[in-house]
C-alpha atoms as a PDB file:
ATOM      1  CA  UNK A   1     106.454  74.641  62.712  1.00  0.00           C
ATOM      2  CA  UNK A   2     103.958  74.288  65.660  1.00  0.00           C
ATOM      3  CA  UNK A   3     105.054  72.535  68.358  1.00  0.00           C
ATOM      4  CA  UNK A   4     103.069  69.445  69.463  1.00  0.00           C
ATOM      5  CA  UNK A   5     101.839  68.855  73.019  1.00  0.00           C
ATOM      6  CA  UNK A   6     102.169  65.444  74.770  1.00  0.00           C
ATOM      7  CA  UNK A   7     100.766  64.494  78.102  1.00  0.00           C
ATOM      8  CA  UNK A   8     102.762  61.697  79.392  1.00  0.00           C
ATOM      9  CA  UNK A   9     100.177  60.576  81.829  1.00  0.00           C
ATOM     10  CA  UNK A  10      97.227  57.737  81.643  1.00  0.00           C
ATOM     11  CA  UNK A  11      95.167  59.922  84.370  1.00  0.00           C
ATOM     12  CA  UNK A  12      91.774  60.764  82.960  1.00  0.00           C
ATOM     13  CA  UNK A  13      91.723  63.545  85.291  1.00  0.00           C
ATOM     14  CA  UNK A  14      94.940  65.135  84.163  1.00  0.00           C
ATOM     15  CA  UNK A  15      93.534  64.699  80.708  1.00  0.00           C
ATOM     16  CA  UNK A  16      90.189  66.620  81.369  1.00  0.00           C
ATOM     17  CA  UNK A  17      92.242  69.395  83.443  1.00  0.00           C
ATOM     18  CA  UNK A  18      94.571  70.144  80.372  1.00  0.00           C
ATOM     19  CA  UNK A  19      91.772  70.092  77.781  1.00  0.00           C
ATOM     20  CA  UNK A  20      90.094  72.915  79.760  1.00  0.00           C
ATOM     21  CA  UNK A  21      93.253  74.781  78.689  1.00  0.00           C
ATOM     22  CA  UNK A  22      91.637  74.617  75.105  1.00  0.00           C
ATOM     23  CA  UNK A  23      94.910  73.253  73.561  1.00  0.00           C
ATOM     24  CA  UNK A  24      95.513  69.979  71.533  1.00  0.00           C
ATOM     25  CA  UNK A  25      97.546  67.488  72.746  1.00  0.00           C
ATOM     26  CA  UNK A  26      98.568  63.467  72.257  1.00  0.00           C
ATOM     27  CA  UNK A  27      98.535  61.211  75.216  1.00  0.00           C
ATOM     28  CA  UNK A  28     101.144  58.697  75.941  1.00  0.00           C
ATOM     29  CA  UNK A  29     101.469  56.615  78.957  1.00  0.00           C
ATOM     30  CA  UNK A  30     104.966  56.067  80.176  1.00  0.00           C
ATOM     31  CA  UNK A  31     106.213  53.009  81.785  1.00  0.00           C
ATOM     32  CA  UNK A  32     107.825  54.541  85.081  1.00  0.00           C
ATOM     33  CA  UNK A  33     108.607  53.003  88.404  1.00  0.00           C
ATOM     34  CA  UNK A  34     106.607  55.005  90.970  1.00  0.00           C
ATOM     35  CA  UNK A  35     108.262  53.259  94.059  1.00  0.00           C
ATOM     36  CA  UNK A  36     109.276  55.330  97.002  1.00  0.00           C
ATOM     37  CA  UNK A  37     112.827  55.453  97.704  1.00  0.00           C
ATOM     38  CA  UNK A  38     113.242  55.074 101.550  1.00  0.00           C
ATOM     39  CA  UNK A  39     113.140  58.257 103.524  1.00  0.00           C
ATOM     40  CA  UNK A  40     111.937  60.326 100.202  1.00  0.00           C
ATOM     41  CA  UNK A  41     110.155  63.251 101.103  1.00  0.00           C
ATOM     42  CA  UNK A  42     106.854  64.015  99.196  1.00  0.00           C
ATOM     43  CA  UNK A  43     108.470  67.118  97.508  1.00  0.00           C
ATOM     44  CA  UNK A  44     111.176  65.074  96.247  1.00  0.00           C
ATOM     45  CA  UNK A  45     109.000  62.144  95.189  1.00  0.00           C
ATOM     46  CA  UNK A  46     106.565  63.643  92.749  1.00  0.00           C
ATOM     47  CA  UNK A  47     109.686  66.092  91.305  1.00  0.00           C
ATOM     48  CA  UNK A  48     111.764  62.744  90.594  1.00  0.00           C
ATOM     49  CA  UNK A  49     108.420  60.688  89.495  1.00  0.00           C
ATOM     50  CA  UNK A  50     106.950  63.668  87.072  1.00  0.00           C
ATOM     51  CA  UNK A  51     110.385  64.228  85.643  1.00  0.00           C
ATOM     52  CA  UNK A  52     110.836  60.503  84.846  1.00  0.00           C
ATOM     53  CA  UNK A  53     107.300  60.525  83.124  1.00  0.00           C
ATOM     54  CA  UNK A  54     108.070  63.539  80.963  1.00  0.00           C
ATOM     55  CA  UNK A  55     111.898  62.316  79.949  1.00  0.00           C
ATOM     56  CA  UNK A  56     110.325  58.803  79.116  1.00  0.00           C
ATOM     57  CA  UNK A  57     108.412  60.618  76.204  1.00  0.00           C
ATOM     58  CA  UNK A  58     109.880  61.850  73.028  1.00  0.00           C
ATOM     59  CA  UNK A  59     108.275  64.981  71.633  1.00  0.00           C
ATOM     60  CA  UNK A  60     108.392  68.486  70.987  1.00  0.00           C
ATOM     61  CA  UNK A  61     107.157  69.507  74.446  1.00  0.00           C
ATOM     62  CA  UNK A  62     106.144  66.879  76.830  1.00  0.00           C
ATOM     63  CA  UNK A  63     104.353  67.373  80.184  1.00  0.00           C
ATOM     64  CA  UNK A  64     104.490  65.016  82.967  1.00  0.00           C
ATOM     65  CA  UNK A  65     102.858  64.805  86.513  1.00  0.00           C
ATOM     66  CA  UNK A  66     102.519  62.952  89.461  1.00  0.00           C
ATOM     67  CA  UNK A  67     100.372  63.675  92.652  1.00  0.00           C
ATOM     68  CA  UNK A  68     100.707  62.057  96.078  1.00  0.00           C
ATOM     69  CA  UNK A  69      98.677  62.689  99.494  1.00  0.00           C
ATOM     70  CA  UNK A  70     100.907  63.530 102.416  1.00  0.00           C
ATOM     71  CA  UNK A  71      99.701  63.713 106.288  1.00  0.00           C
ATOM     72  CA  UNK A  72     102.896  64.490 108.661  1.00  0.00           C
ATOM     73  CA  UNK A  73     105.496  63.520 105.849  1.00  0.00           C
ATOM     74  CA  UNK A  74     103.808  60.232 105.089  1.00  0.00           C
ATOM     75  CA  UNK A  75     103.121  59.704 101.180  1.00  0.00           C
ATOM     76  CA  UNK A  76      99.853  58.140 100.422  1.00  0.00           C
ATOM     77  CA  UNK A  77      99.674  56.999  96.960  1.00  0.00           C
ATOM     78  CA  UNK A  78      96.948  54.744  95.556  1.00  0.00           C
ATOM     79  CA  UNK A  79      95.559  52.628  97.524  1.00  0.00           C
ATOM     80  CA  UNK A  80      96.164  48.654  96.605  1.00  0.00           C
ATOM     81  CA  UNK A  81      92.812  47.264  97.546  1.00  0.00           C
ATOM     82  CA  UNK A  82      89.823  48.490  99.373  1.00  0.00           C
ATOM     83  CA  UNK A  83      91.007  47.247 102.987  1.00  0.00           C
ATOM     84  CA  UNK A  84      93.920  49.513 102.147  1.00  0.00           C
ATOM     85  CA  UNK A  85      91.879  52.650 100.723  1.00  0.00           C
ATOM     86  CA  UNK A  86      89.901  51.861 104.111  1.00  0.00           C
ATOM     87  CA  UNK A  87      93.072  52.578 106.251  1.00  0.00           C
ATOM     88  CA  UNK A  88      94.248  55.681 104.351  1.00  0.00           C
ATOM     89  CA  UNK A  89      90.967  57.187 104.533  1.00  0.00           C
ATOM     90  CA  UNK A  90      90.688  56.565 108.567  1.00  0.00           C
ATOM     91  CA  UNK A  91      93.962  58.156 108.499  1.00  0.00           C
ATOM     92  CA  UNK A  92      92.981  61.127 106.753  1.00  0.00           C
ATOM     93  CA  UNK A  93      89.839  61.506 108.767  1.00  0.00           C
ATOM     94  CA  UNK A  94      89.584  64.501 110.706  1.00  0.00           C
ATOM     95  CA  UNK A  95      92.684  66.171 109.847  1.00  0.00           C
ATOM     96  CA  UNK A  96      94.582  68.416 107.103  1.00  0.00           C
ATOM     97  CA  UNK A  97      96.839  66.764 104.886  1.00  0.00           C
ATOM     98  CA  UNK A  98      98.575  68.243 101.836  1.00  0.00           C
ATOM     99  CA  UNK A  99      98.007  67.332  97.974  1.00  0.00           C
ATOM    100  CA  UNK A 100     101.164  67.638  96.666  1.00  0.00           C
ATOM    101  CA  UNK A 101     101.667  67.594  92.631  1.00  0.00           C
ATOM    102  CA  UNK A 102     105.063  67.873  90.871  1.00  0.00           C
ATOM    103  CA  UNK A 103     104.835  69.078  87.191  1.00  0.00           C
ATOM    104  CA  UNK A 104     107.650  68.778  84.548  1.00  0.00           C
ATOM    105  CA  UNK A 105     108.019  69.798  81.252  1.00  0.00           C
ATOM    106  CA  UNK A 106     110.467  68.732  78.894  1.00  0.00           C
ATOM    107  CA  UNK A 107     111.461  70.526  75.517  1.00  0.00           C
ATOM    108  CA  UNK A 108     114.404  71.080  73.658  1.00  0.00           C
ATOM    109  CA  UNK A 109     116.530  69.428  75.822  1.00  0.00           C
ATOM    110  CA  UNK A 110     115.736  71.465  79.009  1.00  0.00           C
ATOM    111  CA  UNK A 111     113.504  70.349  81.648  1.00  0.00           C
ATOM    112  CA  UNK A 112     111.389  72.745  83.883  1.00  0.00           C
ATOM    113  CA  UNK A 113     110.004  71.717  87.078  1.00  0.00           C
ATOM    114  CA  UNK A 114     107.296  72.989  89.631  1.00  0.00           C
ATOM    115  CA  UNK A 115     105.693  71.530  92.780  1.00  0.00           C
ATOM    116  CA  UNK A 116     102.449  72.930  94.113  1.00  0.00           C
ATOM    117  CA  UNK A 117     100.912  72.113  97.544  1.00  0.00           C
ATOM    118  CA  UNK A 118      97.396  72.451  98.885  1.00  0.00           C
ATOM    119  CA  UNK A 119      96.123  71.982 101.964  1.00  0.00           C
ATOM    120  CA  UNK A 120      92.928  69.989 102.401  1.00  0.00           C
ATOM    121  CA  UNK A 121      90.896  69.668 105.854  1.00  0.00           C
ATOM    122  CA  UNK A 122      88.688  66.665 106.164  1.00  0.00           C
ATOM    123  CA  UNK A 123      85.587  66.039 108.587  1.00  0.00           C
ATOM    124  CA  UNK A 124      85.524  63.303 110.793  1.00  0.00           C
ATOM    125  CA  UNK A 125      84.243  60.370 108.652  1.00  0.00           C
ATOM    126  CA  UNK A 126      82.170  58.057 110.456  1.00  0.00           C
ATOM    127  CA  UNK A 127      82.195  54.160 109.729  1.00  0.00           C
ATOM    128  CA  UNK A 128      78.966  54.565 107.757  1.00  0.00           C
ATOM    129  CA  UNK A 129      80.036  57.236 105.500  1.00  0.00           C
ATOM    130  CA  UNK A 130      83.079  55.099 104.959  1.00  0.00           C
ATOM    131  CA  UNK A 131      81.281  52.223 103.943  1.00  0.00           C
ATOM    132  CA  UNK A 132      79.112  54.091 101.631  1.00  0.00           C
ATOM    133  CA  UNK A 133      82.278  55.735 100.035  1.00  0.00           C
ATOM    134  CA  UNK A 134      84.203  52.420  99.576  1.00  0.00           C
ATOM    135  CA  UNK A 135      81.237  50.928  98.039  1.00  0.00           C
ATOM    136  CA  UNK A 136      80.978  53.139  95.420  1.00  0.00           C
ATOM    137  CA  UNK A 137      84.473  52.171  94.012  1.00  0.00           C
ATOM    138  CA  UNK A 138      85.677  55.454  93.473  1.00  0.00           C
ATOM    139  CA  UNK A 139      88.955  54.750  95.678  1.00  0.00           C
ATOM    140  CA  UNK A 140      91.160  52.837  94.027  1.00  0.00           C
ATOM    141  CA  UNK A 141      92.726  55.045  91.097  1.00  0.00           C
ATOM    142  CA  UNK A 142      93.383  57.652  93.330  1.00  0.00           C
ATOM    143  CA  UNK A 143      96.435  59.022  95.580  1.00  0.00           C
ATOM    144  CA  UNK A 144      95.082  59.214  99.097  1.00  0.00           C
ATOM    145  CA  UNK A 145      91.899  56.972  98.341  1.00  0.00           C
ATOM    146  CA  UNK A 146      89.738  59.814  97.182  1.00  0.00           C
ATOM    147  CA  UNK A 147      88.876  62.494  94.655  1.00  0.00           C
ATOM    148  CA  UNK A 148      87.659  65.885  94.983  1.00  0.00           C
ATOM    149  CA  UNK A 149      85.660  65.737  92.175  1.00  0.00           C
ATOM    150  CA  UNK A 150      83.280  62.537  93.210  1.00  0.00           C
ATOM    151  CA  UNK A 151      81.560  61.629  96.433  1.00  0.00           C
ATOM    152  CA  UNK A 152      84.674  62.223  98.784  1.00  0.00           C
ATOM    153  CA  UNK A 153      83.663  65.825  98.166  1.00  0.00           C
ATOM    154  CA  UNK A 154      80.975  65.401 100.970  1.00  0.00           C
ATOM    155  CA  UNK A 155      84.097  64.631 103.210  1.00  0.00           C
ATOM    156  CA  UNK A 156      86.240  67.933 102.373  1.00  0.00           C
ATOM    157  CA  UNK A 157      85.285  70.613 104.512  1.00  0.00           C
ATOM    158  CA  UNK A 158      88.020  73.150 103.445  1.00  0.00           C
ATOM    159  CA  UNK A 159      90.921  73.628 100.429  1.00  0.00           C
ATOM    160  CA  UNK A 160      93.562  76.105 100.671  1.00  0.00           C
ATOM    161  CA  UNK A 161      95.195  76.422  97.526  1.00  0.00           C
ATOM    162  CA  UNK A 162      95.030  75.000  94.094  1.00  0.00           C
ATOM    163  CA  UNK A 163      91.760  72.931  93.675  1.00  0.00           C
ATOM    164  CA  UNK A 164      92.826  71.676  90.312  1.00  0.00           C
ATOM    165  CA  UNK A 165      96.176  70.638  91.907  1.00  0.00           C
ATOM    166  CA  UNK A 166      93.813  68.238  94.275  1.00  0.00           C
ATOM    167  CA  UNK A 167      92.292  66.815  91.090  1.00  0.00           C
ATOM    168  CA  UNK A 168      95.647  65.878  89.753  1.00  0.00           C
ATOM    169  CA  UNK A 169      97.113  69.326  87.374  1.00  0.00           C
ATOM    170  CA  UNK A 170      97.437  72.479  88.621  1.00  0.00           C
ATOM    171  CA  UNK A 171      96.357  74.647  86.098  1.00  0.00           C
ATOM    172  CA  UNK A 172      98.077  77.784  86.679  1.00  0.00           C
ATOM    173  CA  UNK A 173     101.555  76.634  87.296  1.00  0.00           C
ATOM    174  CA  UNK A 174     101.259  73.955  84.416  1.00  0.00           C
ATOM    175  CA  UNK A 175     100.186  77.068  81.752  1.00  0.00           C
ATOM    176  CA  UNK A 176     103.342  79.158  83.118  1.00  0.00           C
ATOM    177  CA  UNK A 177     105.294  76.020  82.398  1.00  0.00           C
ATOM    178  CA  UNK A 178     104.305  75.242  79.219  1.00  0.00           C
ATOM    179  CA  UNK A 179     104.639  79.007  78.246  1.00  0.00           C
ATOM    180  CA  UNK A 180     108.411  79.015  79.846  1.00  0.00           C
ATOM    181  CA  UNK A 181     108.516  76.072  77.031  1.00  0.00           C
ATOM    182  CA  UNK A 182     107.623  78.230  74.267  1.00  0.00           C
ATOM    183  CA  UNK A 183     104.029  76.737  73.900  1.00  0.00           C
ATOM    184  CA  UNK A 184     101.722  79.686  74.158  1.00  0.00           C
ATOM    185  CA  UNK A 185      98.332  78.671  75.327  1.00  0.00           C
ATOM    186  CA  UNK A 186      96.500  82.159  74.226  1.00  0.00           C
ATOM    187  CA  UNK A 187      97.809  81.519  70.659  1.00  0.00           C
ATOM    188  CA  UNK A 188      97.499  77.816  70.325  1.00  0.00           C
ATOM    189  CA  UNK A 189      93.787  77.980  71.668  1.00  0.00           C
ATOM    190  CA  UNK A 190      93.289  80.898  69.351  1.00  0.00           C
ATOM    191  CA  UNK A 191      94.904  79.430  66.065  1.00  0.00           C
ATOM    192  CA  UNK A 192      92.858  75.952  66.625  1.00  0.00           C
ATOM    193  CA  UNK A 193      89.709  77.482  66.323  1.00  0.00           C
ATOM    194  CA  UNK A 194      90.227  79.814  63.430  1.00  0.00           C
END
């Protein structure tokens, strides 16, 4: 019997990235408290949340992920409103921050985890550019109040590490975890198109 893959995430960006691997999957959005614990470091945070997402769903192979933006150990999640988004973007302006994603795969009573970190360097963003970006409405549903795949790409001068991680799902590591879970992407993609 073929294993069925479930993506435990409501993120349209994760859905699009996973689809790039050429696999069929179902989407189930789990209800997980994503509050940060006191003094929780970014790596521990994304590991805990991605694991909770994967464990909140029942299925053959369940993939959970969580991404945060971190600057000097401070976690920046999704902004609560445009004013909060502006504060976050001003903090990131002219600095190099980290985008950290935890990926978890649950299968047959096992849970596998990986954490991927990418360094992202922002230019100095002037107020006029910031106002322009905030007016576009892109910032509210994204960790760190920006998305690489949108207009905020104009603020990013360098990326060291996985580009797909910055968007929300590191594809190399995700493919490795799925293979470790017995979900062979190459075979599955080939058999789906025959």
